[in-house]
Amino acid sequence: MFVLITLAITGVLFVMQDRSSAPASPAITGVESQALVTAAAANFGPVDQLLQVDYAQDGTYVGAVLPEGSGVILARATGTSYCLETNLDGTFAHENGPGGSPAPGRC
């Protein structure tokens, strides 16, 4: 009987541990999401600065040209706002600007 109880407790602990460290666990997906946002911010930062310079000169984001090789595309632009996208190894991130923060997904 004691061995059966011990095995049951061990099984429950194993399942609980597996759920917290599985690839789809909230802790893992949270870390992955934060890594995506951090990498996107590194791509978007210099482009945001260039867009602000263009806006100061032209008064619009429409027609802004992004530097080649930046890994960022201008998915949408209006007179007063824009949306940037970047592809990080098959996972998209976007940023609505000006003043937005990177977020997972497309514009």
PDB file of N, CA and C in Angstrom:
ATOM      1  N   MET A   1       0.823  -1.192   0.000  1.00  0.00           N
ATOM      2  CA  MET A   1       0.000   0.000   0.000  1.00  0.00           C
ATOM      3  C   MET A   1       0.869   1.258   0.000  1.00  0.00           C
ATOM      4  N   PHE A   2       1.916   1.262   0.831  1.00  0.00           N
ATOM      5  CA  PHE A   2       2.812   2.407   0.926  1.00  0.00           C
ATOM      6  C   PHE A   2       3.474   2.673  -0.426  1.00  0.00           C
ATOM      7  N   VAL A   3       3.870   1.640  -1.150  1.00  0.00           N
ATOM      8  CA  VAL A   3       4.514   1.781  -2.457  1.00  0.00           C
ATOM      9  C   VAL A   3       3.527   2.380  -3.457  1.00  0.00           C
ATOM     10  N   LEU A   4       2.279   1.971  -3.412  1.00  0.00           N
ATOM     11  CA  LEU A   4       1.253   2.502  -4.309  1.00  0.00           C
ATOM     12  C   LEU A   4       1.032   3.992  -4.080  1.00  0.00           C
ATOM     13  N   ILE A   5       0.974   4.408  -2.829  1.00  0.00           N
ATOM     14  CA  ILE A   5       0.802   5.832  -2.494  1.00  0.00           C
ATOM     15  C   ILE A   5       2.017   6.622  -2.965  1.00  0.00           C
ATOM     16  N   THR A   6       3.202   6.094  -2.753  1.00  0.00           N
ATOM     17  CA  THR A   6       4.431   6.755  -3.181  1.00  0.00           C
ATOM     18  C   THR A   6       4.446   6.923  -4.701  1.00  0.00           C
ATOM     19  N   LEU A   7       4.053   5.879  -5.420  1.00  0.00           N
ATOM     20  CA  LEU A   7       4.006   5.974  -6.882  1.00  0.00           C
ATOM     21  C   LEU A   7       2.968   6.990  -7.346  1.00  0.00           C
ATOM     22  N   ALA A   8       1.839   7.055  -6.682  1.00  0.00           N
ATOM     23  CA  ALA A   8       0.795   8.011  -7.036  1.00  0.00           C
ATOM     24  C   ALA A   8       1.285   9.436  -6.824  1.00  0.00           C
ATOM     25  N   ILE A   9       1.919   9.691  -5.698  1.00  0.00           N
ATOM     26  CA  ILE A   9       2.445  11.040  -5.417  1.00  0.00           C
ATOM     27  C   ILE A   9       3.530  11.405  -6.418  1.00  0.00           C
ATOM     28  N   THR A  10       4.407  10.476  -6.726  1.00  0.00           N
ATOM     29  CA  THR A  10       5.473  10.718  -7.698  1.00  0.00           C
ATOM     30  C   THR A  10       4.869  11.030  -9.069  1.00  0.00           C
ATOM     31  N   GLY A  11       3.833  10.287  -9.446  1.00  0.00           N
ATOM     32  CA  GLY A  11       3.169  10.531 -10.729  1.00  0.00           C
ATOM     33  C   GLY A  11       2.553  11.912 -10.805  1.00  0.00           C
ATOM     34  N   VAL A  12       1.887  12.330  -9.741  1.00  0.00           N
ATOM     35  CA  VAL A  12       1.275  13.658  -9.705  1.00  0.00           C
ATOM     36  C   VAL A  12       2.345  14.739  -9.789  1.00  0.00           C
ATOM     37  N   LEU A  13       3.421  14.584  -9.059  1.00  0.00           N
ATOM     38  CA  LEU A  13       4.505  15.567  -9.111  1.00  0.00           C
ATOM     39  C   LEU A  13       5.140  15.624 -10.495  1.00  0.00           C
ATOM     40  N   PHE A  14       5.285  14.470 -11.129  1.00  0.00           N
ATOM     41  CA  PHE A  14       5.857  14.431 -12.474  1.00  0.00           C
ATOM     42  C   PHE A  14       4.963  15.175 -13.457  1.00  0.00           C
ATOM     43  N   VAL A  15       3.669  14.953 -13.396  1.00  0.00           N
ATOM     44  CA  VAL A  15       2.729  15.626 -14.288  1.00  0.00           C
ATOM     45  C   VAL A  15       2.752  17.130 -14.052  1.00  0.00           C
ATOM     46  N   MET A  16       2.802  17.552 -12.802  1.00  0.00           N
ATOM     47  CA  MET A  16       2.847  18.987 -12.496  1.00  0.00           C
ATOM     48  C   MET A  16       4.133  19.609 -13.044  1.00  0.00           C
ATOM     49  N   GLN A  17       5.246  18.921 -12.887  1.00  0.00           N
ATOM     50  CA  GLN A  17       6.523  19.422 -13.402  1.00  0.00           C
ATOM     51  C   GLN A  17       6.481  19.486 -14.919  1.00  0.00           C
ATOM     52  N   ASP A  18       5.930  18.478 -15.562  1.00  0.00           N
ATOM     53  CA  ASP A  18       5.853  18.433 -17.015  1.00  0.00           C
ATOM     54  C   ASP A  18       5.023  19.596 -17.551  1.00  0.00           C
ATOM     55  N   ARG A  19       3.940  19.926 -16.895  1.00  0.00           N
ATOM     56  CA  ARG A  19       3.080  21.037 -17.341  1.00  0.00           C
ATOM     57  C   ARG A  19       3.789  22.374 -17.232  1.00  0.00           C
ATOM     58  N   SER A  20       4.626  22.553 -16.229  1.00  0.00           N
ATOM     59  CA  SER A  20       5.285  23.848 -16.046  1.00  0.00           C
ATOM     60  C   SER A  20       6.519  24.014 -16.910  1.00  0.00           C
ATOM     61  N   SER A  21       7.037  22.919 -17.488  1.00  0.00           N
ATOM     62  CA  SER A  21       8.234  23.045 -18.314  1.00  0.00           C
ATOM     63  C   SER A  21       8.011  22.559 -19.737  1.00  0.00           C
ATOM     64  N   ALA A  22       6.796  22.219 -20.093  1.00  0.00           N
ATOM     65  CA  ALA A  22       6.494  21.774 -21.450  1.00  0.00           C
ATOM     66  C   ALA A  22       6.633  22.952 -22.411  1.00  0.00           C
ATOM     67  N   PRO A  23       6.872  22.678 -23.703  1.00  0.00           N
ATOM     68  CA  PRO A  23       7.055  23.759 -24.676  1.00  0.00           C
ATOM     69  C   PRO A  23       5.886  24.738 -24.749  1.00  0.00           C
ATOM     70  N   ALA A  24       4.683  24.314 -24.450  1.00  0.00           N
ATOM     71  CA  ALA A  24       3.522  25.208 -24.533  1.00  0.00           C
ATOM     72  C   ALA A  24       3.102  25.751 -23.178  1.00  0.00           C
ATOM     73  N   SER A  25       3.926  25.558 -22.158  1.00  0.00           N
ATOM     74  CA  SER A  25       3.555  26.050 -20.830  1.00  0.00           C
ATOM     75  C   SER A  25       3.558  27.578 -20.816  1.00  0.00           C
ATOM     76  N   PRO A  26       2.758  28.185 -19.946  1.00  0.00           N
ATOM     77  CA  PRO A  26       2.710  29.652 -19.880  1.00  0.00           C
ATOM     78  C   PRO A  26       4.075  30.285 -19.616  1.00  0.00           C
ATOM     79  N   ALA A  27       4.894  29.653 -18.793  1.00  0.00           N
ATOM     80  CA  ALA A  27       6.211  30.216 -18.497  1.00  0.00           C
ATOM     81  C   ALA A  27       7.090  30.245 -19.743  1.00  0.00           C
ATOM     82  N   ILE A  28       7.066  29.167 -20.501  1.00  0.00           N
ATOM     83  CA  ILE A  28       7.894  29.093 -21.711  1.00  0.00           C
ATOM     84  C   ILE A  28       7.364  30.048 -22.778  1.00  0.00           C
ATOM     85  N   THR A  29       6.077  30.055 -23.021  1.00  0.00           N
ATOM     86  CA  THR A  29       5.542  30.950 -24.051  1.00  0.00           C
ATOM     87  C   THR A  29       5.716  32.414 -23.658  1.00  0.00           C
ATOM     88  N   GLY A  30       5.679  32.712 -22.379  1.00  0.00           N
ATOM     89  CA  GLY A  30       5.924  34.080 -21.931  1.00  0.00           C
ATOM     90  C   GLY A  30       7.346  34.525 -22.215  1.00  0.00           C
ATOM     91  N   VAL A  31       8.295  33.643 -21.973  1.00  0.00           N
ATOM     92  CA  VAL A  31       9.702  33.948 -22.239  1.00  0.00           C
ATOM     93  C   VAL A  31       9.923  34.108 -23.744  1.00  0.00           C
ATOM     94  N   GLU A  32       9.315  33.221 -24.531  1.00  0.00           N
ATOM     95  CA  GLU A  32       9.446  33.328 -25.982  1.00  0.00           C
ATOM     96  C   GLU A  32       8.851  34.639 -26.492  1.00  0.00           C
ATOM     97  N   SER A  33       7.705  35.021 -25.974  1.00  0.00           N
ATOM     98  CA  SER A  33       7.066  36.263 -26.385  1.00  0.00           C
ATOM     99  C   SER A  33       7.934  37.469 -26.028  1.00  0.00           C
ATOM    100  N   GLN A  34       8.516  37.458 -24.846  1.00  0.00           N
ATOM    101  CA  GLN A  34       9.386  38.558 -24.425  1.00  0.00           C
ATOM    102  C   GLN A  34      10.638  38.623 -25.299  1.00  0.00           C
ATOM    103  N   ALA A  35      11.186  37.476 -25.674  1.00  0.00           N
ATOM    104  CA  ALA A  35      12.357  37.451 -26.556  1.00  0.00           C
ATOM    105  C   ALA A  35      12.005  38.022 -27.925  1.00  0.00           C
ATOM    106  N   LEU A  36      10.825  37.682 -28.427  1.00  0.00           N
ATOM    107  CA  LEU A  36      10.364  38.210 -29.709  1.00  0.00           C
ATOM    108  C   LEU A  36      10.241  39.728 -29.652  1.00  0.00           C
ATOM    109  N   VAL A  37       9.635  40.240 -28.607  1.00  0.00           N
ATOM    110  CA  VAL A  37       9.442  41.686 -28.458  1.00  0.00           C
ATOM    111  C   VAL A  37      10.790  42.393 -28.353  1.00  0.00           C
ATOM    112  N   THR A  38      11.728  41.818 -27.628  1.00  0.00           N
ATOM    113  CA  THR A  38      13.058  42.419 -27.480  1.00  0.00           C
ATOM    114  C   THR A  38      13.797  42.460 -28.811  1.00  0.00           C
ATOM    115  N   ALA A  39      13.741  41.364 -29.563  1.00  0.00           N
ATOM    116  CA  ALA A  39      14.405  41.326 -30.869  1.00  0.00           C
ATOM    117  C   ALA A  39      13.750  42.310 -31.837  1.00  0.00           C
ATOM    118  N   ALA A  40      12.432  42.391 -31.801  1.00  0.00           N
ATOM    119  CA  ALA A  40      11.726  43.328 -32.678  1.00  0.00           C
ATOM    120  C   ALA A  40      12.087  44.766 -32.327  1.00  0.00           C
ATOM    121  N   ALA A  41      12.181  45.068 -31.046  1.00  0.00           N
ATOM    122  CA  ALA A  41      12.545  46.423 -30.619  1.00  0.00           C
ATOM    123  C   ALA A  41      13.920  46.808 -31.162  1.00  0.00           C
ATOM    124  N   ALA A  42      14.846  45.850 -31.203  1.00  0.00           N
ATOM    125  CA  ALA A  42      16.177  46.127 -31.745  1.00  0.00           C
ATOM    126  C   ALA A  42      16.093  46.455 -33.231  1.00  0.00           C
ATOM    127  N   ASN A  43      15.186  45.807 -33.947  1.00  0.00           N
ATOM    128  CA  ASN A  43      15.007  46.102 -35.375  1.00  0.00           C
ATOM    129  C   ASN A  43      14.265  47.419 -35.596  1.00  0.00           C
ATOM    130  N   PHE A  44      13.240  47.672 -34.792  1.00  0.00           N
ATOM    131  CA  PHE A  44      12.395  48.836 -35.004  1.00  0.00           C
ATOM    132  C   PHE A  44      13.039  50.149 -34.550  1.00  0.00           C
ATOM    133  N   GLY A  45      13.868  50.123 -33.537  1.00  0.00           N
ATOM    134  CA  GLY A  45      14.439  51.351 -32.955  1.00  0.00           C
ATOM    135  C   GLY A  45      15.072  52.294 -33.964  1.00  0.00           C
ATOM    136  N   PRO A  46      16.065  51.824 -34.729  1.00  0.00           N
ATOM    137  CA  PRO A  46      16.691  52.733 -35.696  1.00  0.00           C
ATOM    138  C   PRO A  46      15.725  53.205 -36.789  1.00  0.00           C
ATOM    139  N   VAL A  47      14.793  52.332 -37.180  1.00  0.00           N
ATOM    140  CA  VAL A  47      13.826  52.696 -38.218  1.00  0.00           C
ATOM    141  C   VAL A  47      12.872  53.767 -37.694  1.00  0.00           C
ATOM    142  N   ASP A  48      12.448  53.625 -36.433  1.00  0.00           N
ATOM    143  CA  ASP A  48      11.598  54.658 -35.827  1.00  0.00           C
ATOM    144  C   ASP A  48      12.271  56.023 -35.894  1.00  0.00           C
ATOM    145  N   GLN A  49      13.550  56.063 -35.594  1.00  0.00           N
ATOM    146  CA  GLN A  49      14.283  57.329 -35.620  1.00  0.00           C
ATOM    147  C   GLN A  49      14.311  57.927 -37.028  1.00  0.00           C
ATOM    148  N   LEU A  50      14.550  57.077 -38.024  1.00  0.00           N
ATOM    149  CA  LEU A  50      14.552  57.561 -39.407  1.00  0.00           C
ATOM    150  C   LEU A  50      13.175  58.073 -39.823  1.00  0.00           C
ATOM    151  N   LEU A  51      12.137  57.380 -39.395  1.00  0.00           N
ATOM    152  CA  LEU A  51      10.785  57.825 -39.725  1.00  0.00           C
ATOM    153  C   LEU A  51      10.478  59.183 -39.100  1.00  0.00           C
ATOM    154  N   GLN A  52      10.977  59.422 -37.903  1.00  0.00           N
ATOM    155  CA  GLN A  52      10.751  60.719 -37.265  1.00  0.00           C
ATOM    156  C   GLN A  52      11.479  61.839 -38.008  1.00  0.00           C
ATOM    157  N   VAL A  53      12.663  61.540 -38.514  1.00  0.00           N
ATOM    158  CA  VAL A  53      13.399  62.526 -39.314  1.00  0.00           C
ATOM    159  C   VAL A  53      12.622  62.822 -40.601  1.00  0.00           C
ATOM    160  N   ASP A  54      12.152  61.768 -41.275  1.00  0.00           N
ATOM    161  CA  ASP A  54      11.357  61.959 -42.490  1.00  0.00           C
ATOM    162  C   ASP A  54      10.098  62.769 -42.202  1.00  0.00           C
ATOM    163  N   TYR A  55       9.432  62.450 -41.092  1.00  0.00           N
ATOM    164  CA  TYR A  55       8.201  63.152 -40.736  1.00  0.00           C
ATOM    165  C   TYR A  55       8.477  64.640 -40.475  1.00  0.00           C
ATOM    166  N   ALA A  56       9.580  64.922 -39.810  1.00  0.00           N
ATOM    167  CA  ALA A  56       9.932  66.319 -39.536  1.00  0.00           C
ATOM    168  C   ALA A  56      10.179  67.091 -40.831  1.00  0.00           C
ATOM    169  N   GLN A  57      10.720  66.409 -41.836  1.00  0.00           N
ATOM    170  CA  GLN A  57      10.999  67.068 -43.112  1.00  0.00           C
ATOM    171  C   GLN A  57       9.774  67.150 -44.013  1.00  0.00           C
ATOM    172  N   ASP A  58       8.967  66.059 -44.037  1.00  0.00           N
ATOM    173  CA  ASP A  58       7.872  65.966 -45.005  1.00  0.00           C
ATOM    174  C   ASP A  58       6.487  66.191 -44.410  1.00  0.00           C
ATOM    175  N   GLY A  59       6.348  66.087 -43.094  1.00  0.00           N
ATOM    176  CA  GLY A  59       5.052  66.247 -42.457  1.00  0.00           C
ATOM    177  C   GLY A  59       4.118  65.064 -42.646  1.00  0.00           C
ATOM    178  N   THR A  60       4.642  63.926 -43.097  1.00  0.00           N
ATOM    179  CA  THR A  60       3.840  62.725 -43.320  1.00  0.00           C
ATOM    180  C   THR A  60       4.744  61.492 -43.268  1.00  0.00           C
ATOM    181  N   TYR A  61       4.120  60.355 -43.016  1.00  0.00           N
ATOM    182  CA  TYR A  61       4.852  59.089 -43.082  1.00  0.00           C
ATOM    183  C   TYR A  61       4.656  58.415 -44.432  1.00  0.00           C
ATOM    184  N   VAL A  62       3.694  58.886 -45.198  1.00  0.00           N
ATOM    185  CA  VAL A  62       3.417  58.316 -46.517  1.00  0.00           C
ATOM    186  C   VAL A  62       4.638  58.512 -47.411  1.00  0.00           C
ATOM    187  N   GLY A  63       5.056  57.442 -48.072  1.00  0.00           N
ATOM    188  CA  GLY A  63       6.190  57.518 -48.984  1.00  0.00           C
ATOM    189  C   GLY A  63       7.546  57.391 -48.324  1.00  0.00           C
ATOM    190  N   ALA A  64       7.578  57.184 -47.032  1.00  0.00           N
ATOM    191  CA  ALA A  64       8.863  57.035 -46.348  1.00  0.00           C
ATOM    192  C   ALA A  64       9.581  55.798 -46.875  1.00  0.00           C
ATOM    193  N   VAL A  65      10.874  55.900 -47.008  1.00  0.00           N
ATOM    194  CA  VAL A  65      11.697  54.797 -47.509  1.00  0.00           C
ATOM    195  C   VAL A  65      12.568  54.295 -46.362  1.00  0.00           C
ATOM    196  N   LEU A  66      12.488  53.003 -46.116  1.00  0.00           N
ATOM    197  CA  LEU A  66      13.279  52.399 -45.044  1.00  0.00           C
ATOM    198  C   LEU A  66      14.595  51.894 -45.604  1.00  0.00           C
ATOM    199  N   PRO A  67      15.628  51.859 -44.775  1.00  0.00           N
ATOM    200  CA  PRO A  67      16.925  51.399 -45.257  1.00  0.00           C
ATOM    201  C   PRO A  67      16.896  49.914 -45.631  1.00  0.00           C
ATOM    202  N   GLU A  68      17.541  49.586 -46.749  1.00  0.00           N
ATOM    203  CA  GLU A  68      17.647  48.181 -47.158  1.00  0.00           C
ATOM    204  C   GLU A  68      18.454  47.421 -46.115  1.00  0.00           C
ATOM    205  N   GLY A  69      18.055  46.189 -45.899  1.00  0.00           N
ATOM    206  CA  GLY A  69      18.783  45.357 -44.950  1.00  0.00           C
ATOM    207  C   GLY A  69      18.372  45.558 -43.508  1.00  0.00           C
ATOM    208  N   SER A  70      17.398  46.419 -43.260  1.00  0.00           N
ATOM    209  CA  SER A  70      16.971  46.663 -41.879  1.00  0.00           C
ATOM    210  C   SER A  70      16.133  45.510 -41.346  1.00  0.00           C
ATOM    211  N   GLY A  71      15.561  44.714 -42.259  1.00  0.00           N
ATOM    212  CA  GLY A  71      14.680  43.637 -41.828  1.00  0.00           C
ATOM    213  C   GLY A  71      13.302  44.120 -41.440  1.00  0.00           C
ATOM    214  N   VAL A  72      13.011  45.378 -41.734  1.00  0.00           N
ATOM    215  CA  VAL A  72      11.739  45.996 -41.359  1.00  0.00           C
ATOM    216  C   VAL A  72      11.044  46.486 -42.620  1.00  0.00           C
ATOM    217  N   ILE A  73       9.724  46.273 -42.674  1.00  0.00           N
ATOM    218  CA  ILE A  73       8.944  46.830 -43.777  1.00  0.00           C
ATOM    219  C   ILE A  73       7.911  47.800 -43.218  1.00  0.00           C
ATOM    220  N   LEU A  74       7.612  48.791 -44.005  1.00  0.00           N
ATOM    221  CA  LEU A  74       6.570  49.759 -43.665  1.00  0.00           C
ATOM    222  C   LEU A  74       5.271  49.195 -44.221  1.00  0.00           C
ATOM    223  N   ALA A  75       4.508  48.515 -43.375  1.00  0.00           N
ATOM    224  CA  ALA A  75       3.301  47.826 -43.818  1.00  0.00           C
ATOM    225  C   ALA A  75       2.149  48.787 -44.079  1.00  0.00           C
ATOM    226  N   ARG A  76       2.116  49.864 -43.314  1.00  0.00           N
ATOM    227  CA  ARG A  76       1.020  50.835 -43.460  1.00  0.00           C
ATOM    228  C   ARG A  76       1.545  52.207 -43.039  1.00  0.00           C
ATOM    229  N   ALA A  77       1.163  53.226 -43.796  1.00  0.00           N
ATOM    230  CA  ALA A  77       1.578  54.591 -43.460  1.00  0.00           C
ATOM    231  C   ALA A  77       0.463  55.563 -43.804  1.00  0.00           C
ATOM    232  N   THR A  78       0.224  56.487 -42.895  1.00  0.00           N
ATOM    233  CA  THR A  78      -0.715  57.585 -43.140  1.00  0.00           C
ATOM    234  C   THR A  78       0.040  58.885 -42.874  1.00  0.00           C
ATOM    235  N   GLY A  79      -0.666  59.968 -42.898  1.00  0.00           N
ATOM    236  CA  GLY A  79      -0.039  61.251 -42.614  1.00  0.00           C
ATOM    237  C   GLY A  79       0.488  61.355 -41.197  1.00  0.00           C
ATOM    238  N   THR A  80      -0.135  60.637 -40.280  1.00  0.00           N
ATOM    239  CA  THR A  80       0.236  60.801 -38.861  1.00  0.00           C
ATOM    240  C   THR A  80       0.604  59.504 -38.133  1.00  0.00           C
ATOM    241  N   SER A  81       0.532  58.365 -38.813  1.00  0.00           N
ATOM    242  CA  SER A  81       0.850  57.106 -38.133  1.00  0.00           C
ATOM    243  C   SER A  81       1.417  56.094 -39.120  1.00  0.00           C
ATOM    244  N   TYR A  82       1.949  55.015 -38.570  1.00  0.00           N
ATOM    245  CA  TYR A  82       2.519  53.953 -39.393  1.00  0.00           C
ATOM    246  C   TYR A  82       2.480  52.637 -38.632  1.00  0.00           C
ATOM    247  N   CYS A  83       2.681  51.562 -39.367  1.00  0.00           N
ATOM    248  CA  CYS A  83       2.830  50.245 -38.766  1.00  0.00           C
ATOM    249  C   CYS A  83       4.015  49.555 -39.434  1.00  0.00           C
ATOM    250  N   LEU A  84       4.959  49.147 -38.614  1.00  0.00           N
ATOM    251  CA  LEU A  84       6.139  48.445 -39.085  1.00  0.00           C
ATOM    252  C   LEU A  84       5.980  46.955 -38.824  1.00  0.00           C
ATOM    253  N   GLU A  85       6.595  46.130 -39.680  1.00  0.00           N
ATOM    254  CA  GLU A  85       6.618  44.682 -39.472  1.00  0.00           C
ATOM    255  C   GLU A  85       8.034  44.173 -39.647  1.00  0.00           C
ATOM    256  N   THR A  86       8.343  43.127 -38.902  1.00  0.00           N
ATOM    257  CA  THR A  86       9.605  42.426 -39.080  1.00  0.00           C
ATOM    258  C   THR A  86       9.346  40.939 -38.940  1.00  0.00           C
ATOM    259  N   ASN A  87      10.128  40.147 -39.661  1.00  0.00           N
ATOM    260  CA  ASN A  87      10.013  38.697 -39.632  1.00  0.00           C
ATOM    261  C   ASN A  87      11.249  38.157 -38.923  1.00  0.00           C
ATOM    262  N   LEU A  88      11.039  37.561 -37.773  1.00  0.00           N
ATOM    263  CA  LEU A  88      12.134  37.023 -36.962  1.00  0.00           C
ATOM    264  C   LEU A  88      12.093  35.503 -37.033  1.00  0.00           C
ATOM    265  N   ASP A  89      12.828  34.955 -37.987  1.00  0.00           N
ATOM    266  CA  ASP A  89      12.878  33.499 -38.189  1.00  0.00           C
ATOM    267  C   ASP A  89      11.496  32.884 -38.337  1.00  0.00           C
ATOM    268  N   GLY A  90      10.648  33.507 -39.147  1.00  0.00           N
ATOM    269  CA  GLY A  90       9.331  32.967 -39.421  1.00  0.00           C
ATOM    270  C   GLY A  90       8.234  33.439 -38.489  1.00  0.00           C
ATOM    271  N   THR A  91       8.563  34.230 -37.498  1.00  0.00           N
ATOM    272  CA  THR A  91       7.576  34.773 -36.569  1.00  0.00           C
ATOM    273  C   THR A  91       7.515  36.285 -36.754  1.00  0.00           C
ATOM    274  N   PHE A  92       6.321  36.794 -37.008  1.00  0.00           N
ATOM    275  CA  PHE A  92       6.178  38.220 -37.266  1.00  0.00           C
ATOM    276  C   PHE A  92       5.945  39.005 -35.984  1.00  0.00           C
ATOM    277  N   ALA A  93       6.440  40.225 -36.003  1.00  0.00           N
ATOM    278  CA  ALA A  93       6.178  41.197 -34.940  1.00  0.00           C
ATOM    279  C   ALA A  93       5.868  42.516 -35.634  1.00  0.00           C
ATOM    280  N   HIS A  94       5.106  43.361 -34.961  1.00  0.00           N
ATOM    281  CA  HIS A  94       4.758  44.658 -35.532  1.00  0.00           C
ATOM    282  C   HIS A  94       4.846  45.743 -34.470  1.00  0.00           C
ATOM    283  N   GLU A  95       4.810  46.975 -34.960  1.00  0.00           N
ATOM    284  CA  GLU A  95       4.802  48.128 -34.065  1.00  0.00           C
ATOM    285  C   GLU A  95       3.973  49.224 -34.712  1.00  0.00           C
ATOM    286  N   ASN A  96       2.979  49.703 -34.000  1.00  0.00           N
ATOM    287  CA  ASN A  96       2.203  50.855 -34.453  1.00  0.00           C
ATOM    288  C   ASN A  96       2.879  52.104 -33.913  1.00  0.00           C
ATOM    289  N   GLY A  97       3.108  53.046 -34.785  1.00  0.00           N
ATOM    290  CA  GLY A  97       3.813  54.239 -34.352  1.00  0.00           C
ATOM    291  C   GLY A  97       3.121  55.499 -34.807  1.00  0.00           C
ATOM    292  N   PRO A  98       3.626  56.597 -34.346  1.00  0.00           N
ATOM    293  CA  PRO A  98       4.824  56.723 -33.506  1.00  0.00           C
ATOM    294  C   PRO A  98       4.532  56.429 -32.040  1.00  0.00           C
ATOM    295  N   GLY A  99       5.567  56.046 -31.346  1.00  0.00           N
ATOM    296  CA  GLY A  99       5.479  55.845 -29.911  1.00  0.00           C
ATOM    297  C   GLY A  99       4.927  54.512 -29.478  1.00  0.00           C
ATOM    298  N   GLY A 100       4.736  53.585 -30.403  1.00  0.00           N
ATOM    299  CA  GLY A 100       4.189  52.276 -30.032  1.00  0.00           C
ATOM    300  C   GLY A 100       5.249  51.337 -29.503  1.00  0.00           C
ATOM    301  N   SER A 101       4.796  50.192 -29.066  1.00  0.00           N
ATOM    302  CA  SER A 101       5.686  49.149 -28.562  1.00  0.00           C
ATOM    303  C   SER A 101       5.552  47.920 -29.448  1.00  0.00           C
ATOM    304  N   PRO A 102       6.632  47.176 -29.627  1.00  0.00           N
ATOM    305  CA  PRO A 102       6.560  45.955 -30.432  1.00  0.00           C
ATOM    306  C   PRO A 102       5.562  44.964 -29.812  1.00  0.00           C
ATOM    307  N   ALA A 103       4.899  44.228 -30.712  1.00  0.00           N
ATOM    308  CA  ALA A 103       3.933  43.220 -30.289  1.00  0.00           C
ATOM    309  C   ALA A 103       3.992  42.056 -31.280  1.00  0.00           C
ATOM    310  N   PRO A 104       3.675  40.859 -30.831  1.00  0.00           N
ATOM    311  CA  PRO A 104       3.654  39.718 -31.744  1.00  0.00           C
ATOM    312  C   PRO A 104       2.579  39.872 -32.814  1.00  0.00           C
ATOM    313  N   GLY A 105       2.821  39.289 -33.975  1.00  0.00           N
ATOM    314  CA  GLY A 105       1.832  39.295 -35.053  1.00  0.00           C
ATOM    315  C   GLY A 105       2.086  40.363 -36.092  1.00  0.00           C
ATOM    316  N   ARG A 106       1.219  40.364 -37.081  1.00  0.00           N
ATOM    317  CA  ARG A 106       1.321  41.325 -38.175  1.00  0.00           C
ATOM    318  C   ARG A 106       0.442  42.538 -37.891  1.00  0.00           C
ATOM    319  N   CYS A 107       0.641  43.580 -38.678  1.00  0.00           N
ATOM    320  CA  CYS A 107      -0.147  44.816 -38.542  1.00  0.00           C
ATOM    321  C   CYS A 107      -1.615  44.569 -38.760  1.00  0.00           C
TER     322      CYS A 107
END
